[in-house]
PDB file of N, CA and C in Angstrom:
ATOM      1  N   UNK A   1      37.350   3.171  97.779  1.00  0.00           N
ATOM      2  CA  UNK A   1      36.960   2.099  96.908  1.00  0.00           C
ATOM      3  C   UNK A   1      36.044   1.160  97.693  1.00  0.00           C
ATOM      4  N   UNK A   2      34.987   0.692  97.024  1.00  0.00           N
ATOM      5  CA  UNK A   2      34.095  -0.317  97.588  1.00  0.00           C
ATOM      6  C   UNK A   2      34.489  -1.679  97.034  1.00  0.00           C
ATOM      7  N   UNK A   3      34.253  -2.697  97.837  1.00  0.00           N
ATOM      8  CA  UNK A   3      34.580  -4.061  97.440  1.00  0.00           C
ATOM      9  C   UNK A   3      33.435  -4.970  97.856  1.00  0.00           C
ATOM     10  N   UNK A   4      33.043  -5.892  96.982  1.00  0.00           N
ATOM     11  CA  UNK A   4      32.000  -6.863  97.299  1.00  0.00           C
ATOM     12  C   UNK A   4      32.585  -8.254  97.158  1.00  0.00           C
ATOM     13  N   UNK A   5      32.562  -9.014  98.240  1.00  0.00           N
ATOM     14  CA  UNK A   5      33.057 -10.387  98.260  1.00  0.00           C
ATOM     15  C   UNK A   5      31.837 -11.303  98.267  1.00  0.00           C
ATOM     16  N   UNK A   6      31.745 -12.168  97.271  1.00  0.00           N
ATOM     17  CA  UNK A   6      30.634 -13.109  97.206  1.00  0.00           C
ATOM     18  C   UNK A   6      31.083 -14.413  97.868  1.00  0.00           C
ATOM     19  N   UNK A   7      30.448 -14.715  98.983  1.00  0.00           N
ATOM     20  CA  UNK A   7      30.779 -15.913  99.750  1.00  0.00           C
ATOM     21  C   UNK A   7      31.392 -15.539 101.087  1.00  0.00           C
ATOM     22  N   UNK A   8      31.242 -16.430 102.072  1.00  0.00           N
ATOM     23  CA  UNK A   8      31.832 -16.183 103.391  1.00  0.00           C
ATOM     24  C   UNK A   8      32.316 -17.488 104.018  1.00  0.00           C
ATOM     25  N   UNK A   9      32.704 -18.426 103.168  1.00  0.00           N
ATOM     26  CA  UNK A   9      33.099 -19.742 103.644  1.00  0.00           C
ATOM     27  C   UNK A   9      34.571 -19.884 103.968  1.00  0.00           C
ATOM     28  N   UNK A  10      35.085 -21.082 103.769  1.00  0.00           N
ATOM     29  CA  UNK A  10      36.440 -21.420 104.182  1.00  0.00           C
ATOM     30  C   UNK A  10      37.502 -20.534 103.540  1.00  0.00           C
ATOM     31  N   UNK A  11      37.421 -20.310 102.246  1.00  0.00           N
ATOM     32  CA  UNK A  11      38.441 -19.496 101.582  1.00  0.00           C
ATOM     33  C   UNK A  11      38.351 -18.032 101.981  1.00  0.00           C
ATOM     34  N   UNK A  12      37.149 -17.560 102.215  1.00  0.00           N
ATOM     35  CA  UNK A  12      36.968 -16.151 102.556  1.00  0.00           C
ATOM     36  C   UNK A  12      37.308 -15.883 104.011  1.00  0.00           C
ATOM     37  N   UNK A  13      36.741 -16.679 104.935  1.00  0.00           N
ATOM     38  CA  UNK A  13      36.893 -16.372 106.357  1.00  0.00           C
ATOM     39  C   UNK A  13      37.423 -17.531 107.196  1.00  0.00           C
ATOM     40  N   UNK A  14      37.742 -18.646 106.569  1.00  0.00           N
ATOM     41  CA  UNK A  14      38.257 -19.782 107.315  1.00  0.00           C
ATOM     42  C   UNK A  14      37.202 -20.578 108.043  1.00  0.00           C
ATOM     43  N   UNK A  15      35.945 -20.495 107.574  1.00  0.00           N
ATOM     44  CA  UNK A  15      34.864 -21.219 108.240  1.00  0.00           C
ATOM     45  C   UNK A  15      35.208 -22.706 108.357  1.00  0.00           C
ATOM     46  N   UNK A  16      35.013 -23.247 109.547  1.00  0.00           N
ATOM     47  CA  UNK A  16      35.285 -24.651 109.802  1.00  0.00           C
ATOM     48  C   UNK A  16      36.738 -24.955 110.124  1.00  0.00           C
ATOM     49  N   UNK A  17      37.556 -23.910 110.220  1.00  0.00           N
ATOM     50  CA  UNK A  17      38.967 -24.100 110.545  1.00  0.00           C
ATOM     51  C   UNK A  17      39.343 -23.145 111.682  1.00  0.00           C
ATOM     52  N   UNK A  18      40.561 -23.299 112.184  1.00  0.00           N
ATOM     53  CA  UNK A  18      41.070 -22.366 113.193  1.00  0.00           C
ATOM     54  C   UNK A  18      41.657 -21.115 112.551  1.00  0.00           C
ATOM     55  N   UNK A  19      41.821 -21.138 111.221  1.00  0.00           N
ATOM     56  CA  UNK A  19      42.427 -20.022 110.508  1.00  0.00           C
ATOM     57  C   UNK A  19      41.410 -18.992 110.071  1.00  0.00           C
ATOM     58  N   UNK A  20      41.871 -18.085 109.224  1.00  0.00           N
ATOM     59  CA  UNK A  20      41.046 -16.972 108.766  1.00  0.00           C
ATOM     60  C   UNK A  20      40.805 -16.996 107.267  1.00  0.00           C
ATOM     61  N   UNK A  21      41.081 -18.120 106.619  1.00  0.00           N
ATOM     62  CA  UNK A  21      40.908 -18.190 105.184  1.00  0.00           C
ATOM     63  C   UNK A  21      42.008 -17.436 104.467  1.00  0.00           C
ATOM     64  N   UNK A  22      41.769 -17.098 103.204  1.00  0.00           N
ATOM     65  CA  UNK A  22      42.764 -16.345 102.439  1.00  0.00           C
ATOM     66  C   UNK A  22      42.265 -14.980 101.985  1.00  0.00           C
ATOM     67  N   UNK A  23      40.971 -14.851 101.753  1.00  0.00           N
ATOM     68  CA  UNK A  23      40.443 -13.614 101.175  1.00  0.00           C
ATOM     69  C   UNK A  23      40.426 -12.458 102.184  1.00  0.00           C
ATOM     70  N   UNK A  24      39.789 -12.643 103.325  1.00  0.00           N
ATOM     71  CA  UNK A  24      39.727 -11.543 104.297  1.00  0.00           C
ATOM     72  C   UNK A  24      41.109 -11.141 104.822  1.00  0.00           C
ATOM     73  N   UNK A  25      42.026 -12.076 105.071  1.00  0.00           N
ATOM     74  CA  UNK A  25      43.369 -11.646 105.449  1.00  0.00           C
ATOM     75  C   UNK A  25      44.063 -10.848 104.340  1.00  0.00           C
ATOM     76  N   UNK A  26      43.822 -11.220 103.081  1.00  0.00           N
ATOM     77  CA  UNK A  26      44.420 -10.459 101.973  1.00  0.00           C
ATOM     78  C   UNK A  26      43.825  -9.054 101.906  1.00  0.00           C
ATOM     79  N   UNK A  27      42.523  -8.945 102.114  1.00  0.00           N
ATOM     80  CA  UNK A  27      41.884  -7.629 102.126  1.00  0.00           C
ATOM     81  C   UNK A  27      42.411  -6.799 103.290  1.00  0.00           C
ATOM     82  N   UNK A  28      42.606  -7.445 104.427  1.00  0.00           N
ATOM     83  CA  UNK A  28      43.151  -6.759 105.594  1.00  0.00           C
ATOM     84  C   UNK A  28      44.558  -6.224 105.314  1.00  0.00           C
ATOM     85  N   UNK A  29      45.390  -7.033 104.684  1.00  0.00           N
ATOM     86  CA  UNK A  29      46.751  -6.609 104.346  1.00  0.00           C
ATOM     87  C   UNK A  29      46.720  -5.458 103.349  1.00  0.00           C
ATOM     88  N   UNK A  30      45.821  -5.527 102.384  1.00  0.00           N
ATOM     89  CA  UNK A  30      45.656  -4.448 101.401  1.00  0.00           C
ATOM     90  C   UNK A  30      45.272  -3.148 102.094  1.00  0.00           C
ATOM     91  N   UNK A  31      44.306  -3.230 103.012  1.00  0.00           N
ATOM     92  CA  UNK A  31      43.858  -2.040 103.734  1.00  0.00           C
ATOM     93  C   UNK A  31      44.977  -1.466 104.606  1.00  0.00           C
ATOM     94  N   UNK A  32      45.734  -2.342 105.228  1.00  0.00           N
ATOM     95  CA  UNK A  32      46.838  -1.881 106.071  1.00  0.00           C
ATOM     96  C   UNK A  32      47.868  -1.119 105.247  1.00  0.00           C
ATOM     97  N   UNK A  33      48.135  -1.617 104.051  1.00  0.00           N
ATOM     98  CA  UNK A  33      49.137  -1.013 103.181  1.00  0.00           C
ATOM     99  C   UNK A  33      48.656   0.277 102.519  1.00  0.00           C
ATOM    100  N   UNK A  34      47.435   0.280 102.004  1.00  0.00           N
ATOM    101  CA  UNK A  34      46.970   1.403 101.190  1.00  0.00           C
ATOM    102  C   UNK A  34      45.856   2.241 101.809  1.00  0.00           C
ATOM    103  N   UNK A  35      45.157   1.691 102.789  1.00  0.00           N
ATOM    104  CA  UNK A  35      44.056   2.398 103.449  1.00  0.00           C
ATOM    105  C   UNK A  35      43.116   3.060 102.433  1.00  0.00           C
ATOM    106  N   UNK A  36      42.683   2.281 101.437  1.00  0.00           N
ATOM    107  CA  UNK A  36      41.862   2.860 100.375  1.00  0.00           C
ATOM    108  C   UNK A  36      40.461   2.247 100.278  1.00  0.00           C
ATOM    109  N   UNK A  37      40.098   1.373 101.210  1.00  0.00           N
ATOM    110  CA  UNK A  37      38.771   0.764 101.163  1.00  0.00           C
ATOM    111  C   UNK A  37      37.791   1.583 101.990  1.00  0.00           C
ATOM    112  N   UNK A  38      36.703   1.984 101.365  1.00  0.00           N
ATOM    113  CA  UNK A  38      35.684   2.722 102.103  1.00  0.00           C
ATOM    114  C   UNK A  38      34.579   1.792 102.606  1.00  0.00           C
ATOM    115  N   UNK A  39      34.276   0.740 101.822  1.00  0.00           N
ATOM    116  CA  UNK A  39      33.272  -0.232 102.255  1.00  0.00           C
ATOM    117  C   UNK A  39      33.635  -1.601 101.682  1.00  0.00           C
ATOM    118  N   UNK A  40      33.442  -2.634 102.512  1.00  0.00           N
ATOM    119  CA  UNK A  40      33.639  -4.017 102.073  1.00  0.00           C
ATOM    120  C   UNK A  40      32.378  -4.785 102.447  1.00  0.00           C
ATOM    121  N   UNK A  41      31.705  -5.324 101.429  1.00  0.00           N
ATOM    122  CA  UNK A  41      30.499  -6.116 101.636  1.00  0.00           C
ATOM    123  C   UNK A  41      30.869  -7.580 101.481  1.00  0.00           C
ATOM    124  N   UNK A  42      30.515  -8.396 102.465  1.00  0.00           N
ATOM    125  CA  UNK A  42      30.741  -9.838 102.411  1.00  0.00           C
ATOM    126  C   UNK A  42      29.355 -10.477 102.349  1.00  0.00           C
ATOM    127  N   UNK A  43      29.073 -11.134 101.225  1.00  0.00           N
ATOM    128  CA  UNK A  43      27.723 -11.600 100.954  1.00  0.00           C
ATOM    129  C   UNK A  43      27.672 -13.122 100.871  1.00  0.00           C
ATOM    130  N   UNK A  44      26.862 -13.708 101.739  1.00  0.00           N
ATOM    131  CA  UNK A  44      26.626 -15.138 101.716  1.00  0.00           C
ATOM    132  C   UNK A  44      25.144 -15.416 101.547  1.00  0.00           C
ATOM    133  N   UNK A  45      24.706 -16.575 101.991  1.00  0.00           N
ATOM    134  CA  UNK A  45      23.297 -16.940 101.869  1.00  0.00           C
ATOM    135  C   UNK A  45      22.649 -17.250 103.211  1.00  0.00           C
ATOM    136  N   UNK A  46      23.445 -17.319 104.273  1.00  0.00           N
ATOM    137  CA  UNK A  46      22.969 -17.785 105.564  1.00  0.00           C
ATOM    138  C   UNK A  46      23.355 -16.791 106.651  1.00  0.00           C
ATOM    139  N   UNK A  47      22.363 -16.359 107.425  1.00  0.00           N
ATOM    140  CA  UNK A  47      22.601 -15.360 108.480  1.00  0.00           C
ATOM    141  C   UNK A  47      23.600 -15.869 109.514  1.00  0.00           C
ATOM    142  N   UNK A  48      23.438 -17.097 109.964  1.00  0.00           N
ATOM    143  CA  UNK A  48      24.335 -17.639 110.989  1.00  0.00           C
ATOM    144  C   UNK A  48      25.773 -17.681 110.488  1.00  0.00           C
ATOM    145  N   UNK A  49      25.972 -18.092 109.259  1.00  0.00           N
ATOM    146  CA  UNK A  49      27.329 -18.145 108.707  1.00  0.00           C
ATOM    147  C   UNK A  49      27.901 -16.744 108.503  1.00  0.00           C
ATOM    148  N   UNK A  50      27.056 -15.796 108.172  1.00  0.00           N
ATOM    149  CA  UNK A  50      27.516 -14.409 108.064  1.00  0.00           C
ATOM    150  C   UNK A  50      28.003 -13.915 109.428  1.00  0.00           C
ATOM    151  N   UNK A  51      27.275 -14.278 110.485  1.00  0.00           N
ATOM    152  CA  UNK A  51      27.671 -13.887 111.833  1.00  0.00           C
ATOM    153  C   UNK A  51      28.974 -14.565 112.243  1.00  0.00           C
ATOM    154  N   UNK A  52      29.142 -15.835 111.851  1.00  0.00           N
ATOM    155  CA  UNK A  52      30.395 -16.543 112.145  1.00  0.00           C
ATOM    156  C   UNK A  52      31.570 -15.878 111.426  1.00  0.00           C
ATOM    157  N   UNK A  53      31.369 -15.484 110.185  1.00  0.00           N
ATOM    158  CA  UNK A  53      32.422 -14.799 109.432  1.00  0.00           C
ATOM    159  C   UNK A  53      32.756 -13.459 110.083  1.00  0.00           C
ATOM    160  N   UNK A  54      31.744 -12.779 110.560  1.00  0.00           N
ATOM    161  CA  UNK A  54      31.953 -11.497 111.243  1.00  0.00           C
ATOM    162  C   UNK A  54      32.780 -11.684 112.518  1.00  0.00           C
ATOM    163  N   UNK A  55      32.507 -12.749 113.258  1.00  0.00           N
ATOM    164  CA  UNK A  55      33.290 -13.047 114.464  1.00  0.00           C
ATOM    165  C   UNK A  55      34.747 -13.348 114.109  1.00  0.00           C
ATOM    166  N   UNK A  56      34.951 -14.081 113.022  1.00  0.00           N
ATOM    167  CA  UNK A  56      36.317 -14.411 112.589  1.00  0.00           C
ATOM    168  C   UNK A  56      37.089 -13.146 112.240  1.00  0.00           C
ATOM    169  N   UNK A  57      36.474 -12.253 111.482  1.00  0.00           N
ATOM    170  CA  UNK A  57      37.190 -11.044 111.073  1.00  0.00           C
ATOM    171  C   UNK A  57      37.451 -10.145 112.278  1.00  0.00           C
ATOM    172  N   UNK A  58      36.585 -10.188 113.279  1.00  0.00           N
ATOM    173  CA  UNK A  58      36.847  -9.416 114.501  1.00  0.00           C
ATOM    174  C   UNK A  58      38.099  -9.934 115.193  1.00  0.00           C
ATOM    175  N   UNK A  59      38.248 -11.257 115.240  1.00  0.00           N
ATOM    176  CA  UNK A  59      39.454 -11.843 115.830  1.00  0.00           C
ATOM    177  C   UNK A  59      40.689 -11.449 115.022  1.00  0.00           C
ATOM    178  N   UNK A  60      40.567 -11.472 113.699  1.00  0.00           N
ATOM    179  CA  UNK A  60      41.681 -11.072 112.841  1.00  0.00           C
ATOM    180  C   UNK A  60      42.028  -9.608 113.068  1.00  0.00           C
ATOM    181  N   UNK A  61      41.021  -8.768 113.172  1.00  0.00           N
ATOM    182  CA  UNK A  61      41.251  -7.338 113.430  1.00  0.00           C
ATOM    183  C   UNK A  61      41.944  -7.120 114.771  1.00  0.00           C
ATOM    184  N   UNK A  62      41.546  -7.898 115.777  1.00  0.00           N
ATOM    185  CA  UNK A  62      42.186  -7.791 117.088  1.00  0.00           C
ATOM    186  C   UNK A  62      43.665  -8.169 117.009  1.00  0.00           C
ATOM    187  N   UNK A  63      43.973  -9.181 116.193  1.00  0.00           N
ATOM    188  CA  UNK A  63      45.363  -9.624 116.037  1.00  0.00           C
ATOM    189  C   UNK A  63      46.218  -8.646 115.238  1.00  0.00           C
ATOM    190  N   UNK A  64      45.636  -8.065 114.193  1.00  0.00           N
ATOM    191  CA  UNK A  64      46.421  -7.233 113.276  1.00  0.00           C
ATOM    192  C   UNK A  64      46.319  -5.742 113.558  1.00  0.00           C
ATOM    193  N   UNK A  65      45.280  -5.333 114.257  1.00  0.00           N
ATOM    194  CA  UNK A  65      45.062  -3.911 114.489  1.00  0.00           C
ATOM    195  C   UNK A  65      44.476  -3.192 113.283  1.00  0.00           C
ATOM    196  N   UNK A  66      44.062  -3.939 112.274  1.00  0.00           N
ATOM    197  CA  UNK A  66      43.482  -3.357 111.066  1.00  0.00           C
ATOM    198  C   UNK A  66      41.962  -3.476 111.150  1.00  0.00           C
ATOM    199  N   UNK A  67      41.295  -2.342 111.138  1.00  0.00           N
ATOM    200  CA  UNK A  67      39.838  -2.334 111.146  1.00  0.00           C
ATOM    201  C   UNK A  67      39.341  -2.187 109.721  1.00  0.00           C
ATOM    202  N   UNK A  68      38.503  -3.108 109.308  1.00  0.00           N
ATOM    203  CA  UNK A  68      37.948  -3.054 107.962  1.00  0.00           C
ATOM    204  C   UNK A  68      36.522  -2.520 108.015  1.00  0.00           C
ATOM    205  N   UNK A  69      36.140  -1.701 107.047  1.00  0.00           N
ATOM    206  CA  UNK A  69      34.767  -1.185 106.988  1.00  0.00           C
ATOM    207  C   UNK A  69      33.828  -2.234 106.394  1.00  0.00           C
ATOM    208  N   UNK A  70      33.529  -3.261 107.183  1.00  0.00           N
ATOM    209  CA  UNK A  70      32.792  -4.427 106.700  1.00  0.00           C
ATOM    210  C   UNK A  70      31.305  -4.361 106.997  1.00  0.00           C
ATOM    211  N   UNK A  71      30.540  -4.939 106.077  1.00  0.00           N
ATOM    212  CA  UNK A  71      29.121  -5.184 106.313  1.00  0.00           C
ATOM    213  C   UNK A  71      28.834  -6.566 105.756  1.00  0.00           C
ATOM    214  N   UNK A  72      28.189  -7.403 106.572  1.00  0.00           N
ATOM    215  CA  UNK A  72      27.919  -8.782 106.198  1.00  0.00           C
ATOM    216  C   UNK A  72      26.455  -8.961 105.809  1.00  0.00           C
ATOM    217  N   UNK A  73      26.232  -9.767 104.791  1.00  0.00           N
ATOM    218  CA  UNK A  73      24.898 -10.104 104.312  1.00  0.00           C
ATOM    219  C   UNK A  73      24.791 -11.608 104.178  1.00  0.00           C
ATOM    220  N   UNK A  74      23.622 -12.205 104.364  1.00  0.00           N
ATOM    221  CA  UNK A  74      22.383 -11.553 104.778  1.00  0.00           C
ATOM    222  C   UNK A  74      22.461 -11.170 106.252  1.00  0.00           C
ATOM    223  N   UNK A  75      21.723 -10.143 106.599  1.00  0.00           N
ATOM    224  CA  UNK A  75      21.770  -9.682 107.981  1.00  0.00           C
ATOM    225  C   UNK A  75      20.465  -9.948 108.735  1.00  0.00           C
ATOM    226  N   UNK A  76      19.429 -10.433 108.041  1.00  0.00           N
ATOM    227  CA  UNK A  76      18.172 -10.728 108.725  1.00  0.00           C
ATOM    228  C   UNK A  76      17.629 -12.113 108.393  1.00  0.00           C
ATOM    229  N   UNK A  77      17.452 -12.409 107.126  1.00  0.00           N
ATOM    230  CA  UNK A  77      16.869 -13.683 106.705  1.00  0.00           C
ATOM    231  C   UNK A  77      17.792 -14.380 105.720  1.00  0.00           C
ATOM    232  N   UNK A  78      17.865 -15.700 105.799  1.00  0.00           N
ATOM    233  CA  UNK A  78      18.644 -16.457 104.835  1.00  0.00           C
ATOM    234  C   UNK A  78      18.128 -16.158 103.433  1.00  0.00           C
ATOM    235  N   UNK A  79      19.040 -16.019 102.483  1.00  0.00           N
ATOM    236  CA  UNK A  79      18.632 -15.736 101.118  1.00  0.00           C
ATOM    237  C   UNK A  79      19.725 -16.134 100.143  1.00  0.00           C
ATOM    238  N   UNK A  80      19.353 -16.930  99.154  1.00  0.00           N
ATOM    239  CA  UNK A  80      20.296 -17.319  98.111  1.00  0.00           C
ATOM    240  C   UNK A  80      20.555 -16.158  97.158  1.00  0.00           C
ATOM    241  N   UNK A  81      19.792 -15.079  97.286  1.00  0.00           N
ATOM    242  CA  UNK A  81      19.935 -13.936  96.386  1.00  0.00           C
ATOM    243  C   UNK A  81      20.440 -12.686  97.101  1.00  0.00           C
ATOM    244  N   UNK A  82      21.130 -12.864  98.210  1.00  0.00           N
ATOM    245  CA  UNK A  82      21.651 -11.717  98.956  1.00  0.00           C
ATOM    246  C   UNK A  82      22.549 -10.847  98.100  1.00  0.00           C
ATOM    247  N   UNK A  83      23.360 -11.479  97.266  1.00  0.00           N
ATOM    248  CA  UNK A  83      24.271 -10.706  96.431  1.00  0.00           C
ATOM    249  C   UNK A  83      23.507  -9.794  95.476  1.00  0.00           C
ATOM    250  N   UNK A  84      22.369 -10.256  94.969  1.00  0.00           N
ATOM    251  CA  UNK A  84      21.564  -9.407  94.093  1.00  0.00           C
ATOM    252  C   UNK A  84      20.981  -8.229  94.859  1.00  0.00           C
ATOM    253  N   UNK A  85      20.533  -8.483  96.073  1.00  0.00           N
ATOM    254  CA  UNK A  85      19.987  -7.404  96.886  1.00  0.00           C
ATOM    255  C   UNK A  85      21.041  -6.332  97.130  1.00  0.00           C
ATOM    256  N   UNK A  86      22.252  -6.756  97.410  1.00  0.00           N
ATOM    257  CA  UNK A  86      23.336  -5.804  97.669  1.00  0.00           C
ATOM    258  C   UNK A  86      23.604  -4.964  96.426  1.00  0.00           C
ATOM    259  N   UNK A  87      23.677  -5.611  95.281  1.00  0.00           N
ATOM    260  CA  UNK A  87      23.993  -4.905  94.045  1.00  0.00           C
ATOM    261  C   UNK A  87      22.820  -4.057  93.527  1.00  0.00           C
ATOM    262  N   UNK A  88      21.621  -4.620  93.517  1.00  0.00           N
ATOM    263  CA  UNK A  88      20.463  -3.935  92.953  1.00  0.00           C
ATOM    264  C   UNK A  88      19.972  -2.803  93.856  1.00  0.00           C
ATOM    265  N   UNK A  89      19.937  -3.027  95.130  1.00  0.00           N
ATOM    266  CA  UNK A  89      19.393  -2.011  96.034  1.00  0.00           C
ATOM    267  C   UNK A  89      20.360  -0.870  96.277  1.00  0.00           C
ATOM    268  N   UNK A  90      21.484  -0.919  95.612  1.00  0.00           N
ATOM    269  CA  UNK A  90      22.405   0.205  95.723  1.00  0.00           C
ATOM    270  C   UNK A  90      23.284   0.183  96.950  1.00  0.00           C
ATOM    271  N   UNK A  91      23.303  -0.932  97.681  1.00  0.00           N
ATOM    272  CA  UNK A  91      24.209  -1.005  98.821  1.00  0.00           C
ATOM    273  C   UNK A  91      25.638  -0.751  98.366  1.00  0.00           C
ATOM    274  N   UNK A  92      25.949  -1.255  97.187  1.00  0.00           N
ATOM    275  CA  UNK A  92      27.282  -1.022  96.649  1.00  0.00           C
ATOM    276  C   UNK A  92      27.078  -0.384  95.282  1.00  0.00           C
ATOM    277  N   UNK A  93      27.229   0.893  95.238  1.00  0.00           N
ATOM    278  CA  UNK A  93      27.016   1.630  93.986  1.00  0.00           C
ATOM    279  C   UNK A  93      28.034   2.733  93.839  1.00  0.00           C
TER     280      UNK A  93
END
């Protein structure tokens, strides 16, 4: 199963806090239990924040031992339409 998460802020990855938010930990728990995710796309609008979210999930993975098949967007240029690029270009199809 593929999953697309729109946003990478506080609720998703715990941005601005010492925690991990609620969404990515829930996805991690789901994957640990069912191992049914083939791809997880996390889509924001800012490259730096996408990288920060990626660092957070790496720390979570180190703590839990659960590796998620994640890809973060945007990966090159800031874009308010990253989610459209992911959906339209077939990244998640």
